[in-house]
């Protein structure tokens, strides 16, 4: 426990130590947030109409969708790319505005 001296009362009080250390996932993006960034394997299959990763890659190249191939051999497609390509809008952060007074 740490100690704290309050100036107004000249009293020393004990400050409790944290009961547990912060967990790594407290500062890192959660798995859910990362999953939302990319289409799932099922969503890529639905989009392309193919189940085999090689066929999905061929379709994505033919349709000019940007993607990366993961270590597992499956194409990784950003959700925002698909939404924008199909005419939807992704959440856009408000751009900073210059205000002159």
N, C-alpha and C. Protein backbone atom coordinates (compact mmCIF):
# COMPACT_ATOMS: atom_id res chain seq x y z
N UNK A 1 0.83 -1.18 0.00
CA UNK A 1 0.00 0.00 0.00
C UNK A 1 0.87 1.25 0.00
N UNK A 2 0.40 2.26 -0.71
CA UNK A 2 1.09 3.54 -0.70
C UNK A 2 0.53 4.42 0.40
N UNK A 3 1.22 5.49 0.68
CA UNK A 3 0.75 6.41 1.72
C UNK A 3 0.58 7.79 1.13
N UNK A 4 -0.40 8.50 1.63
CA UNK A 4 -0.69 9.85 1.16
C UNK A 4 -0.86 10.75 2.37
N UNK A 5 -0.27 11.93 2.28
CA UNK A 5 -0.41 12.91 3.35
C UNK A 5 -1.31 14.04 2.84
N UNK A 6 -2.41 14.24 3.49
CA UNK A 6 -3.31 15.32 3.11
C UNK A 6 -2.90 16.58 3.86
N UNK A 7 -2.66 17.64 3.10
CA UNK A 7 -2.17 18.88 3.69
C UNK A 7 -3.20 19.55 4.59
N UNK A 8 -4.47 19.46 4.22
CA UNK A 8 -5.48 20.19 4.97
C UNK A 8 -5.71 19.63 6.37
N UNK A 9 -5.42 18.34 6.59
CA UNK A 9 -5.63 17.76 7.91
C UNK A 9 -4.36 17.21 8.52
N UNK A 10 -3.26 17.23 7.76
CA UNK A 10 -1.99 16.65 8.21
C UNK A 10 -2.18 15.20 8.63
N UNK A 11 -3.07 14.53 7.95
CA UNK A 11 -3.40 13.15 8.27
C UNK A 11 -2.80 12.24 7.20
N UNK A 12 -2.24 11.13 7.60
CA UNK A 12 -1.68 10.18 6.65
C UNK A 12 -2.70 9.08 6.45
N UNK A 13 -3.03 8.84 5.20
CA UNK A 13 -4.00 7.80 4.90
C UNK A 13 -3.36 6.77 3.98
N UNK A 14 -3.84 5.54 4.07
CA UNK A 14 -3.34 4.47 3.21
C UNK A 14 -4.10 4.50 1.89
N UNK A 15 -3.36 4.36 0.81
CA UNK A 15 -3.97 4.27 -0.52
C UNK A 15 -3.90 2.82 -0.95
N UNK A 16 -5.03 2.20 -1.22
CA UNK A 16 -5.00 0.79 -1.60
C UNK A 16 -4.30 0.59 -2.94
N UNK A 17 -3.52 -0.47 -3.04
CA UNK A 17 -2.86 -0.84 -4.29
C UNK A 17 -3.91 -1.44 -5.22
N UNK A 18 -3.71 -1.32 -6.53
CA UNK A 18 -4.63 -1.98 -7.45
C UNK A 18 -4.63 -3.48 -7.20
N UNK A 19 -5.80 -4.08 -7.27
CA UNK A 19 -5.90 -5.51 -6.97
C UNK A 19 -5.36 -6.39 -8.09
N UNK A 20 -5.35 -5.87 -9.31
CA UNK A 20 -4.81 -6.67 -10.41
C UNK A 20 -4.13 -5.75 -11.40
N UNK A 21 -3.22 -6.33 -12.16
CA UNK A 21 -2.52 -5.56 -13.19
C UNK A 21 -3.45 -5.37 -14.38
N UNK A 22 -3.29 -4.27 -15.11
CA UNK A 22 -4.12 -4.09 -16.31
C UNK A 22 -3.83 -5.21 -17.30
N UNK A 23 -4.86 -5.67 -17.94
CA UNK A 23 -4.71 -6.75 -18.91
C UNK A 23 -4.33 -6.20 -20.26
N UNK A 24 -3.65 -7.01 -21.06
CA UNK A 24 -3.17 -6.57 -22.36
C UNK A 24 -4.33 -6.13 -23.25
N UNK A 25 -5.46 -6.80 -23.14
CA UNK A 25 -6.57 -6.47 -24.02
C UNK A 25 -7.27 -5.18 -23.63
N UNK A 26 -6.90 -4.59 -22.49
CA UNK A 26 -7.50 -3.32 -22.10
C UNK A 26 -7.07 -2.20 -23.06
N UNK A 27 -5.88 -2.31 -23.65
CA UNK A 27 -5.38 -1.26 -24.52
C UNK A 27 -5.38 -1.66 -25.99
N UNK A 28 -5.47 -2.95 -26.27
CA UNK A 28 -5.44 -3.42 -27.65
C UNK A 28 -6.86 -3.52 -28.18
N UNK A 29 -7.03 -3.42 -29.50
CA UNK A 29 -8.38 -3.57 -30.04
C UNK A 29 -8.90 -4.97 -29.77
N UNK A 30 -10.16 -5.07 -29.50
CA UNK A 30 -10.73 -6.37 -29.20
C UNK A 30 -10.85 -7.19 -30.48
N UNK A 31 -11.03 -8.49 -30.30
CA UNK A 31 -11.19 -9.39 -31.44
C UNK A 31 -12.40 -8.99 -32.25
N UNK A 32 -13.44 -8.54 -31.60
CA UNK A 32 -14.65 -8.14 -32.30
C UNK A 32 -14.37 -6.96 -33.21
N UNK A 33 -13.61 -5.97 -32.73
CA UNK A 33 -13.28 -4.82 -33.56
C UNK A 33 -12.46 -5.23 -34.77
N UNK A 34 -11.51 -6.14 -34.58
CA UNK A 34 -10.68 -6.60 -35.68
C UNK A 34 -11.52 -7.39 -36.67
N UNK A 35 -12.45 -8.21 -36.18
CA UNK A 35 -13.30 -8.99 -37.07
C UNK A 35 -14.18 -8.07 -37.90
N UNK A 36 -14.61 -6.96 -37.37
CA UNK A 36 -15.46 -6.04 -38.12
C UNK A 36 -14.70 -5.35 -39.24
N UNK A 37 -13.39 -5.26 -39.10
CA UNK A 37 -12.58 -4.59 -40.11
C UNK A 37 -12.55 -5.40 -41.41
N UNK A 38 -12.48 -6.72 -41.30
CA UNK A 38 -12.40 -7.59 -42.47
C UNK A 38 -13.67 -8.41 -42.62
N UNK A 39 -13.98 -8.78 -43.86
CA UNK A 39 -15.08 -9.71 -44.09
C UNK A 39 -14.69 -11.07 -43.53
N UNK A 40 -15.66 -11.81 -43.05
CA UNK A 40 -15.40 -13.17 -42.60
C UNK A 40 -15.22 -14.07 -43.82
N UNK A 41 -14.71 -15.27 -43.60
CA UNK A 41 -14.54 -16.22 -44.70
C UNK A 41 -15.88 -16.51 -45.37
N UNK A 42 -16.93 -16.60 -44.57
CA UNK A 42 -18.26 -16.86 -45.12
C UNK A 42 -18.75 -15.68 -45.96
N UNK A 43 -18.46 -14.47 -45.50
CA UNK A 43 -18.88 -13.29 -46.25
C UNK A 43 -18.13 -13.17 -47.58
N UNK A 44 -16.84 -13.52 -47.59
CA UNK A 44 -16.08 -13.50 -48.84
C UNK A 44 -16.65 -14.54 -49.79
N UNK A 45 -17.02 -15.70 -49.27
CA UNK A 45 -17.62 -16.75 -50.10
C UNK A 45 -18.96 -16.28 -50.66
N UNK A 46 -19.75 -15.60 -49.85
CA UNK A 46 -21.04 -15.09 -50.31
C UNK A 46 -20.85 -14.00 -51.37
N UNK A 47 -19.89 -13.12 -51.16
CA UNK A 47 -19.63 -12.04 -52.10
C UNK A 47 -19.17 -12.58 -53.45
N UNK A 48 -18.23 -13.53 -53.41
CA UNK A 48 -17.64 -14.03 -54.65
C UNK A 48 -18.46 -15.15 -55.30
N UNK A 49 -19.21 -15.87 -54.49
CA UNK A 49 -19.95 -17.02 -55.01
C UNK A 49 -19.11 -18.29 -55.06
N UNK A 50 -17.92 -18.24 -54.47
CA UNK A 50 -17.01 -19.40 -54.48
C UNK A 50 -16.59 -19.74 -53.05
N UNK A 51 -16.37 -21.04 -52.82
CA UNK A 51 -15.93 -21.51 -51.51
C UNK A 51 -14.41 -21.68 -51.45
N UNK A 52 -13.79 -22.04 -52.56
CA UNK A 52 -12.34 -22.26 -52.58
C UNK A 52 -11.62 -20.92 -52.57
N UNK A 53 -10.61 -20.78 -51.69
CA UNK A 53 -9.87 -19.52 -51.64
C UNK A 53 -9.24 -19.12 -52.98
N UNK A 54 -8.74 -20.08 -53.75
CA UNK A 54 -8.13 -19.74 -55.04
C UNK A 54 -9.17 -19.18 -56.01
N UNK A 55 -10.38 -19.71 -55.99
CA UNK A 55 -11.45 -19.20 -56.84
C UNK A 55 -11.90 -17.81 -56.36
N UNK A 56 -11.93 -17.62 -55.04
CA UNK A 56 -12.28 -16.31 -54.48
C UNK A 56 -11.26 -15.25 -54.91
N UNK A 57 -9.98 -15.62 -54.86
CA UNK A 57 -8.91 -14.71 -55.26
C UNK A 57 -9.05 -14.33 -56.74
N UNK A 58 -9.32 -15.33 -57.59
CA UNK A 58 -9.51 -15.05 -59.01
C UNK A 58 -10.68 -14.11 -59.24
N UNK A 59 -11.78 -14.33 -58.54
CA UNK A 59 -12.95 -13.47 -58.68
C UNK A 59 -12.66 -12.06 -58.19
N UNK A 60 -12.01 -11.94 -57.04
CA UNK A 60 -11.68 -10.61 -56.50
C UNK A 60 -10.77 -9.84 -57.44
N UNK A 61 -9.80 -10.54 -58.06
CA UNK A 61 -8.92 -9.89 -59.03
C UNK A 61 -9.69 -9.45 -60.27
N UNK A 62 -10.58 -10.31 -60.77
CA UNK A 62 -11.37 -9.99 -61.96
C UNK A 62 -12.29 -8.80 -61.71
N UNK A 63 -12.82 -8.70 -60.51
CA UNK A 63 -13.73 -7.60 -60.15
C UNK A 63 -13.00 -6.39 -59.59
N UNK A 64 -11.69 -6.48 -59.49
CA UNK A 64 -10.83 -5.40 -59.03
C UNK A 64 -11.15 -4.93 -57.61
N UNK A 65 -11.39 -5.90 -56.73
CA UNK A 65 -11.53 -5.61 -55.31
C UNK A 65 -10.14 -5.73 -54.70
N UNK A 66 -9.75 -4.78 -53.88
CA UNK A 66 -8.47 -4.87 -53.20
C UNK A 66 -8.54 -5.93 -52.11
N UNK A 67 -7.48 -6.70 -51.96
CA UNK A 67 -7.43 -7.72 -50.92
C UNK A 67 -5.98 -8.09 -50.67
N UNK A 68 -5.75 -8.82 -49.60
CA UNK A 68 -4.44 -9.38 -49.28
C UNK A 68 -4.67 -10.85 -48.96
N UNK A 69 -3.70 -11.66 -49.24
CA UNK A 69 -3.81 -13.09 -48.93
C UNK A 69 -3.16 -13.32 -47.58
N UNK A 70 -3.92 -13.91 -46.67
CA UNK A 70 -3.42 -14.19 -45.33
C UNK A 70 -2.54 -15.43 -45.31
N UNK A 71 -1.92 -15.66 -44.19
CA UNK A 71 -1.06 -16.83 -44.02
C UNK A 71 -1.78 -18.14 -44.18
N UNK A 72 -3.10 -18.12 -44.02
CA UNK A 72 -3.89 -19.33 -44.18
C UNK A 72 -4.33 -19.55 -45.63
N UNK A 73 -3.92 -18.63 -46.53
CA UNK A 73 -4.26 -18.77 -47.95
C UNK A 73 -5.59 -18.17 -48.34
N UNK A 74 -6.32 -17.64 -47.39
CA UNK A 74 -7.62 -17.03 -47.67
C UNK A 74 -7.46 -15.54 -47.94
N UNK A 75 -8.25 -14.99 -48.87
CA UNK A 75 -8.18 -13.55 -49.13
C UNK A 75 -8.77 -12.75 -47.97
N UNK A 76 -8.12 -11.66 -47.62
CA UNK A 76 -8.59 -10.76 -46.57
C UNK A 76 -9.08 -9.49 -47.26
N UNK A 77 -10.37 -9.22 -47.10
CA UNK A 77 -10.99 -8.08 -47.77
C UNK A 77 -11.50 -7.11 -46.71
N UNK A 78 -11.12 -5.85 -46.85
CA UNK A 78 -11.60 -4.83 -45.92
C UNK A 78 -13.10 -4.61 -46.14
N UNK A 79 -13.82 -4.58 -45.05
CA UNK A 79 -15.27 -4.36 -45.10
C UNK A 79 -15.59 -3.01 -45.74
N UNK A 80 -14.80 -1.98 -45.41
CA UNK A 80 -15.05 -0.63 -45.94
C UNK A 80 -14.92 -0.60 -47.46
N UNK A 81 -14.00 -1.39 -48.02
CA UNK A 81 -13.81 -1.43 -49.48
C UNK A 81 -15.09 -1.95 -50.14
N UNK A 82 -15.64 -3.01 -49.59
CA UNK A 82 -16.84 -3.61 -50.17
C UNK A 82 -18.03 -2.66 -50.02
N UNK A 83 -18.18 -2.07 -48.86
CA UNK A 83 -19.31 -1.15 -48.63
C UNK A 83 -19.23 0.03 -49.59
N UNK A 84 -18.05 0.63 -49.71
CA UNK A 84 -17.89 1.77 -50.64
C UNK A 84 -18.11 1.35 -52.08
N UNK A 85 -17.61 0.19 -52.43
CA UNK A 85 -17.72 -0.29 -53.82
C UNK A 85 -19.18 -0.56 -54.20
N UNK A 86 -19.96 -1.01 -53.25
CA UNK A 86 -21.36 -1.35 -53.53
C UNK A 86 -22.30 -0.17 -53.28
N UNK A 87 -21.73 1.02 -53.07
CA UNK A 87 -22.56 2.21 -52.98
C UNK A 87 -22.99 2.61 -51.59
N UNK A 88 -22.55 1.89 -50.59
CA UNK A 88 -22.90 2.26 -49.22
C UNK A 88 -21.92 3.27 -48.69
N UNK A 89 -22.15 3.69 -47.48
CA UNK A 89 -21.23 4.63 -46.85
C UNK A 89 -20.77 4.04 -45.54
N UNK A 90 -19.47 4.14 -45.29
CA UNK A 90 -18.94 3.73 -44.00
C UNK A 90 -18.98 4.94 -43.09
N UNK A 91 -18.81 4.71 -41.80
CA UNK A 91 -18.77 5.81 -40.85
C UNK A 91 -17.57 6.67 -41.18
N UNK A 92 -17.79 7.95 -41.29
CA UNK A 92 -16.69 8.85 -41.56
C UNK A 92 -16.53 9.78 -40.38
N UNK A 93 -15.30 9.93 -39.98
CA UNK A 93 -15.04 10.85 -38.88
C UNK A 93 -15.15 12.28 -39.38
N UNK A 94 -15.60 13.12 -38.52
CA UNK A 94 -15.74 14.52 -38.88
C UNK A 94 -14.35 15.11 -39.07
N UNK A 95 -14.17 15.82 -40.16
CA UNK A 95 -12.88 16.43 -40.45
C UNK A 95 -12.71 17.68 -39.59
N UNK A 96 -11.50 17.98 -39.21
CA UNK A 96 -11.30 19.19 -38.42
C UNK A 96 -11.64 20.44 -39.22
N UNK A 97 -12.22 21.41 -38.56
CA UNK A 97 -12.61 22.65 -39.19
C UNK A 97 -11.79 23.79 -38.60
N UNK A 98 -11.40 24.70 -39.44
CA UNK A 98 -10.68 25.88 -38.98
C UNK A 98 -11.71 26.95 -38.64
N UNK A 99 -11.72 27.37 -37.41
CA UNK A 99 -12.65 28.40 -36.96
C UNK A 99 -11.88 29.66 -36.63
N UNK A 100 -12.19 30.73 -37.30
CA UNK A 100 -11.56 32.01 -37.03
C UNK A 100 -12.56 32.91 -36.35
N UNK A 101 -12.17 33.47 -35.24
CA UNK A 101 -13.09 34.36 -34.52
C UNK A 101 -12.67 35.78 -34.67
